[in-house]
Amino acid sequence: MERIEHTVNSLVTYGLFAAWAVHDAEEMAFGPRWVRENVPALRKRFPEAPEAVWRAMERVDEREFRAAVAAMAVIVGSAAVAGARSGGRSAFYQGALNGFGLHGLVHLAQAAAVRGYTPGSATSPFVVVPFTLWARGRLRRAGVLRPTRARDVATGLALAAGATVVSHAIARKLTGPRA
């Protein structure tokens, strides 16, 4: 069977940044306030969670959160550019796309665990997951989608988590110590 290779539209590559921006606008609008209002109840509801998790969540203020989002914008934007320049073939772009979609599923799991809204859970089923599936389908039809194995799923989740940690580390450096 002959494989026909199609070009990848820039909406597939730069769309990653656009979908991320919509999703992170929700997180910026609701994240820090939601954490302040909900961590005390979550601590009681999930006593098995390590204290370090709760302290880390409480430590993030609005300034740090905004700076972390800006740092993440550089990472996601770089991935989108790499995808556009490579016609969607970039491993960095495809890893970021997979990580983005998987992190949307994490948001949905968080919302299920707390049985309610969590920041990011509103846009995940309507923007994050559908965009990721659509973009992966376009990459597949163009013949450039890398095969996805179980280790790729783990790598995608690790990359998303790592990018979040790096973004917050940069943000802490930029925003300085808290009073």
C-alpha atoms as a PDB file:
ATOM      1  CA  MET A   1       0.000   0.000   0.000  1.00  0.00           C
ATOM      2  CA  GLU A   2       1.412   3.380  -1.003  1.00  0.00           C
ATOM      3  CA  ARG A   3       1.825   5.918   1.775  1.00  0.00           C
ATOM      4  CA  ILE A   4       0.948   9.449   0.716  1.00  0.00           C
ATOM      5  CA  GLU A   5       2.726  12.129   2.696  1.00  0.00           C
ATOM      6  CA  HIS A   6       0.849  15.372   3.208  1.00  0.00           C
ATOM      7  CA  THR A   7       2.146  18.614   4.567  1.00  0.00           C
ATOM      8  CA  VAL A   8       1.353  19.624   8.101  1.00  0.00           C
ATOM      9  CA  ASN A   9      -0.636  22.847   8.382  1.00  0.00           C
ATOM     10  CA  SER A  10       0.844  25.487  10.700  1.00  0.00           C
ATOM     11  CA  LEU A  11      -2.358  25.303  12.756  1.00  0.00           C
ATOM     12  CA  VAL A  12      -1.190  21.848  13.848  1.00  0.00           C
ATOM     13  CA  THR A  13       2.136  23.185  15.100  1.00  0.00           C
ATOM     14  CA  TYR A  14       1.429  26.761  16.194  1.00  0.00           C
ATOM     15  CA  GLY A  15      -1.978  25.593  17.374  1.00  0.00           C
ATOM     16  CA  LEU A  16      -0.187  23.898  20.262  1.00  0.00           C
ATOM     17  CA  PHE A  17       0.807  27.321  21.552  1.00  0.00           C
ATOM     18  CA  ALA A  18      -2.693  28.743  20.973  1.00  0.00           C
ATOM     19  CA  ALA A  19      -4.404  25.827  22.756  1.00  0.00           C
ATOM     20  CA  TRP A  20      -1.890  26.082  25.602  1.00  0.00           C
ATOM     21  CA  ALA A  21      -2.560  29.851  25.906  1.00  0.00           C
ATOM     22  CA  VAL A  22      -6.325  29.302  26.205  1.00  0.00           C
ATOM     23  CA  HIS A  23      -5.771  26.576  28.795  1.00  0.00           C
ATOM     24  CA  ASP A  24      -3.259  28.572  30.822  1.00  0.00           C
ATOM     25  CA  ALA A  25      -5.514  31.634  30.785  1.00  0.00           C
ATOM     26  CA  GLU A  26      -7.967  29.511  32.778  1.00  0.00           C
ATOM     27  CA  GLU A  27      -5.218  28.393  35.142  1.00  0.00           C
ATOM     28  CA  MET A  28      -4.008  31.973  35.640  1.00  0.00           C
ATOM     29  CA  ALA A  29      -7.520  33.236  36.282  1.00  0.00           C
ATOM     30  CA  PHE A  30      -8.395  30.631  38.887  1.00  0.00           C
ATOM     31  CA  GLY A  31      -5.247  28.787  40.046  1.00  0.00           C
ATOM     32  CA  PRO A  32      -3.705  30.773  42.902  1.00  0.00           C
ATOM     33  CA  ARG A  33      -7.038  31.753  44.458  1.00  0.00           C
ATOM     34  CA  TRP A  34      -8.374  28.187  44.150  1.00  0.00           C
ATOM     35  CA  VAL A  35      -5.275  26.846  45.911  1.00  0.00           C
ATOM     36  CA  ARG A  36      -5.607  29.358  48.772  1.00  0.00           C
ATOM     37  CA  GLU A  37      -9.270  28.522  49.234  1.00  0.00           C
ATOM     38  CA  ASN A  38      -9.046  24.733  48.867  1.00  0.00           C
ATOM     39  CA  VAL A  39      -5.743  23.470  50.277  1.00  0.00           C
ATOM     40  CA  PRO A  40      -6.978  23.419  53.909  1.00  0.00           C
ATOM     41  CA  ALA A  41      -9.953  21.191  52.980  1.00  0.00           C
ATOM     42  CA  LEU A  42      -7.814  19.047  50.665  1.00  0.00           C
ATOM     43  CA  ARG A  43      -5.294  18.491  53.467  1.00  0.00           C
ATOM     44  CA  LYS A  44      -8.072  17.048  55.619  1.00  0.00           C
ATOM     45  CA  ARG A  45      -9.557  15.012  52.786  1.00  0.00           C
ATOM     46  CA  PHE A  46      -6.220  13.560  51.622  1.00  0.00           C
ATOM     47  CA  PRO A  47      -4.157  13.127  54.802  1.00  0.00           C
ATOM     48  CA  GLU A  48      -1.926  10.544  53.108  1.00  0.00           C
ATOM     49  CA  ALA A  49      -0.469  13.200  50.771  1.00  0.00           C
ATOM     50  CA  PRO A  50       2.994  14.325  51.859  1.00  0.00           C
ATOM     51  CA  GLU A  51       3.139  17.604  53.765  1.00  0.00           C
ATOM     52  CA  ALA A  52       5.740  18.836  51.268  1.00  0.00           C
ATOM     53  CA  VAL A  53       3.065  18.806  48.538  1.00  0.00           C
ATOM     54  CA  TRP A  54       0.795  21.094  50.551  1.00  0.00           C
ATOM     55  CA  ARG A  55       3.646  23.452  51.476  1.00  0.00           C
ATOM     56  CA  ALA A  56       4.748  23.683  47.854  1.00  0.00           C
ATOM     57  CA  MET A  57       1.212  24.508  46.744  1.00  0.00           C
ATOM     58  CA  GLU A  58       0.784  27.173  49.428  1.00  0.00           C
ATOM     59  CA  ARG A  59       4.137  28.758  48.612  1.00  0.00           C
ATOM     60  CA  VAL A  60       3.115  29.743  45.061  1.00  0.00           C
ATOM     61  CA  ASP A  61       1.690  33.266  44.983  1.00  0.00           C
ATOM     62  CA  GLU A  62       0.189  35.175  42.044  1.00  0.00           C
ATOM     63  CA  ARG A  63       3.522  36.769  41.033  1.00  0.00           C
ATOM     64  CA  GLU A  64       5.329  33.455  40.943  1.00  0.00           C
ATOM     65  CA  PHE A  65       2.454  31.796  39.121  1.00  0.00           C
ATOM     66  CA  ARG A  66       2.394  34.502  36.408  1.00  0.00           C
ATOM     67  CA  ALA A  67       6.171  34.254  36.008  1.00  0.00           C
ATOM     68  CA  ALA A  68       5.962  30.451  35.780  1.00  0.00           C
ATOM     69  CA  VAL A  69       3.322  30.755  33.064  1.00  0.00           C
ATOM     70  CA  ALA A  70       5.612  33.145  31.164  1.00  0.00           C
ATOM     71  CA  ALA A  71       8.494  30.671  31.446  1.00  0.00           C
ATOM     72  CA  MET A  72       6.237  27.865  30.239  1.00  0.00           C
ATOM     73  CA  ALA A  73       5.190  30.071  27.312  1.00  0.00           C
ATOM     74  CA  VAL A  74       8.814  30.099  26.176  1.00  0.00           C
ATOM     75  CA  ILE A  75       8.992  26.293  26.381  1.00  0.00           C
ATOM     76  CA  VAL A  76       5.690  25.663  24.583  1.00  0.00           C
ATOM     77  CA  GLY A  77       6.383  28.403  22.039  1.00  0.00           C
ATOM     78  CA  SER A  78       9.789  26.875  21.298  1.00  0.00           C
ATOM     79  CA  ALA A  79       8.172  23.486  20.786  1.00  0.00           C
ATOM     80  CA  ALA A  80       5.599  24.979  18.404  1.00  0.00           C
ATOM     81  CA  VAL A  81       8.341  26.695  16.380  1.00  0.00           C
ATOM     82  CA  ALA A  82      10.357  23.464  16.266  1.00  0.00           C
ATOM     83  CA  GLY A  83       7.246  21.696  15.011  1.00  0.00           C
ATOM     84  CA  ALA A  84       6.606  24.302  12.324  1.00  0.00           C
ATOM     85  CA  ARG A  85      10.212  24.301  11.125  1.00  0.00           C
ATOM     86  CA  SER A  86      10.293  20.510  10.872  1.00  0.00           C
ATOM     87  CA  GLY A  87       6.886  20.008   9.302  1.00  0.00           C
ATOM     88  CA  GLY A  88       5.696  18.398  12.533  1.00  0.00           C
ATOM     89  CA  ARG A  89       8.572  15.901  12.640  1.00  0.00           C
ATOM     90  CA  SER A  90      10.396  17.443  15.619  1.00  0.00           C
ATOM     91  CA  ALA A  91      10.671  15.059  18.564  1.00  0.00           C
ATOM     92  CA  PHE A  92      10.579  18.112  20.860  1.00  0.00           C
ATOM     93  CA  TYR A  93       7.317  19.297  19.304  1.00  0.00           C
ATOM     94  CA  GLN A  94       5.696  15.849  19.361  1.00  0.00           C
ATOM     95  CA  GLY A  95       6.865  15.284  22.949  1.00  0.00           C
ATOM     96  CA  ALA A  96       5.414  18.641  23.988  1.00  0.00           C
ATOM     97  CA  LEU A  97       2.149  17.864  22.183  1.00  0.00           C
ATOM     98  CA  ASN A  98       1.896  14.494  23.914  1.00  0.00           C
ATOM     99  CA  GLY A  99       2.800  16.021  27.274  1.00  0.00           C
ATOM    100  CA  PHE A 100       0.172  18.722  26.782  1.00  0.00           C
ATOM    101  CA  GLY A 101      -2.553  16.177  26.077  1.00  0.00           C
ATOM    102  CA  LEU A 102      -1.517  13.917  28.927  1.00  0.00           C
ATOM    103  CA  HIS A 103      -1.408  16.831  31.339  1.00  0.00           C
ATOM    104  CA  GLY A 104      -5.005  17.574  30.307  1.00  0.00           C
ATOM    105  CA  LEU A 105      -5.924  14.068  31.406  1.00  0.00           C
ATOM    106  CA  VAL A 106      -4.143  14.713  34.717  1.00  0.00           C
ATOM    107  CA  HIS A 107      -6.343  17.795  35.209  1.00  0.00           C
ATOM    108  CA  LEU A 108      -9.433  15.667  34.636  1.00  0.00           C
ATOM    109  CA  ALA A 109      -8.167  13.056  37.101  1.00  0.00           C
ATOM    110  CA  GLN A 110      -7.555  15.808  39.680  1.00  0.00           C
ATOM    111  CA  ALA A 111     -11.099  17.087  39.225  1.00  0.00           C
ATOM    112  CA  ALA A 112     -12.433  13.548  39.623  1.00  0.00           C
ATOM    113  CA  ALA A 113     -10.347  13.036  42.762  1.00  0.00           C
ATOM    114  CA  VAL A 114     -11.681  16.195  44.426  1.00  0.00           C
ATOM    115  CA  ARG A 115     -15.152  15.645  42.944  1.00  0.00           C
ATOM    116  CA  GLY A 116     -15.300  19.161  41.608  1.00  0.00           C
ATOM    117  CA  TYR A 117     -13.566  21.906  39.733  1.00  0.00           C
ATOM    118  CA  THR A 118      -9.788  22.239  39.732  1.00  0.00           C
ATOM    119  CA  PRO A 119      -7.907  24.892  37.753  1.00  0.00           C
ATOM    120  CA  GLY A 120      -7.399  23.597  34.227  1.00  0.00           C
ATOM    121  CA  SER A 121     -10.227  21.086  34.336  1.00  0.00           C
ATOM    122  CA  ALA A 122     -12.676  23.273  32.385  1.00  0.00           C
ATOM    123  CA  THR A 123     -10.494  23.675  29.292  1.00  0.00           C
ATOM    124  CA  SER A 124      -8.974  20.180  29.373  1.00  0.00           C
ATOM    125  CA  PRO A 125     -11.977  18.316  27.887  1.00  0.00           C
ATOM    126  CA  PHE A 126     -12.823  21.080  25.406  1.00  0.00           C
ATOM    127  CA  VAL A 127      -9.409  22.400  24.334  1.00  0.00           C
ATOM    128  CA  VAL A 128      -6.423  20.386  25.583  1.00  0.00           C
ATOM    129  CA  VAL A 129      -7.480  16.806  24.852  1.00  0.00           C
ATOM    130  CA  PRO A 130      -9.393  17.527  21.606  1.00  0.00           C
ATOM    131  CA  PHE A 131      -6.577  19.670  20.193  1.00  0.00           C
ATOM    132  CA  THR A 132      -4.004  17.012  21.030  1.00  0.00           C
ATOM    133  CA  LEU A 133      -6.053  14.245  19.409  1.00  0.00           C
ATOM    134  CA  TRP A 134      -6.739  16.402  16.332  1.00  0.00           C
ATOM    135  CA  ALA A 135      -3.083  17.414  15.930  1.00  0.00           C
ATOM    136  CA  ARG A 136      -1.893  13.827  16.384  1.00  0.00           C
ATOM    137  CA  GLY A 137      -4.388  12.742  13.726  1.00  0.00           C
ATOM    138  CA  ARG A 138      -3.073  15.365  11.319  1.00  0.00           C
ATOM    139  CA  LEU A 139       0.516  14.279  12.005  1.00  0.00           C
ATOM    140  CA  ARG A 140      -0.502  10.636  11.454  1.00  0.00           C
ATOM    141  CA  ARG A 141      -2.186  11.447   8.129  1.00  0.00           C
ATOM    142  CA  ALA A 142       0.913  13.377   7.042  1.00  0.00           C
ATOM    143  CA  GLY A 143       3.036  10.329   7.843  1.00  0.00           C
ATOM    144  CA  VAL A 144       5.208  12.119  10.406  1.00  0.00           C
ATOM    145  CA  LEU A 145       3.733  10.989  13.738  1.00  0.00           C
ATOM    146  CA  ARG A 146       6.241   8.991  15.722  1.00  0.00           C
ATOM    147  CA  PRO A 147       4.938   5.676  17.071  1.00  0.00           C
ATOM    148  CA  THR A 148       3.673   5.959  20.636  1.00  0.00           C
ATOM    149  CA  ARG A 149       4.839   3.326  23.066  1.00  0.00           C
ATOM    150  CA  ALA A 150       4.211   3.025  26.796  1.00  0.00           C
ATOM    151  CA  ARG A 151       7.571   4.612  27.515  1.00  0.00           C
ATOM    152  CA  ASP A 152       6.572   7.580  25.321  1.00  0.00           C
ATOM    153  CA  VAL A 153       3.543   8.130  27.560  1.00  0.00           C
ATOM    154  CA  ALA A 154       5.794   8.088  30.630  1.00  0.00           C
ATOM    155  CA  THR A 155       8.236  10.410  28.891  1.00  0.00           C
ATOM    156  CA  GLY A 156       5.441  12.809  27.915  1.00  0.00           C
ATOM    157  CA  LEU A 157       4.189  12.981  31.499  1.00  0.00           C
ATOM    158  CA  ALA A 158       7.746  13.402  32.794  1.00  0.00           C
ATOM    159  CA  LEU A 159       8.431  16.190  30.300  1.00  0.00           C
ATOM    160  CA  ALA A 160       5.238  18.021  31.268  1.00  0.00           C
ATOM    161  CA  ALA A 161       6.077  17.677  34.975  1.00  0.00           C
ATOM    162  CA  GLY A 162       9.699  18.656  34.378  1.00  0.00           C
ATOM    163  CA  ALA A 163       8.714  21.727  32.375  1.00  0.00           C
ATOM    164  CA  THR A 164       6.400  22.743  35.230  1.00  0.00           C
ATOM    165  CA  VAL A 165       9.171  22.334  37.813  1.00  0.00           C
ATOM    166  CA  VAL A 166      11.650  24.280  35.651  1.00  0.00           C
ATOM    167  CA  SER A 167       9.078  27.034  35.036  1.00  0.00           C
ATOM    168  CA  HIS A 168       8.443  27.447  38.751  1.00  0.00           C
ATOM    169  CA  ALA A 169      12.186  27.379  39.554  1.00  0.00           C
ATOM    170  CA  ILE A 170      12.754  30.169  37.031  1.00  0.00           C
ATOM    171  CA  ALA A 171       9.765  32.055  38.420  1.00  0.00           C
ATOM    172  CA  ARG A 172      11.111  31.830  42.003  1.00  0.00           C
ATOM    173  CA  LYS A 173      14.436  33.215  40.813  1.00  0.00           C
ATOM    174  CA  LEU A 174      12.722  36.062  38.976  1.00  0.00           C
ATOM    175  CA  THR A 175      10.242  36.998  41.701  1.00  0.00           C
ATOM    176  CA  GLY A 176      12.673  36.697  44.609  1.00  0.00           C
ATOM    177  CA  PRO A 177      11.998  35.802  48.220  1.00  0.00           C
ATOM    178  CA  ARG A 178       8.563  36.236  49.767  1.00  0.00           C
ATOM    179  CA  ALA A 179       7.993  38.626  52.620  1.00  0.00           C
END
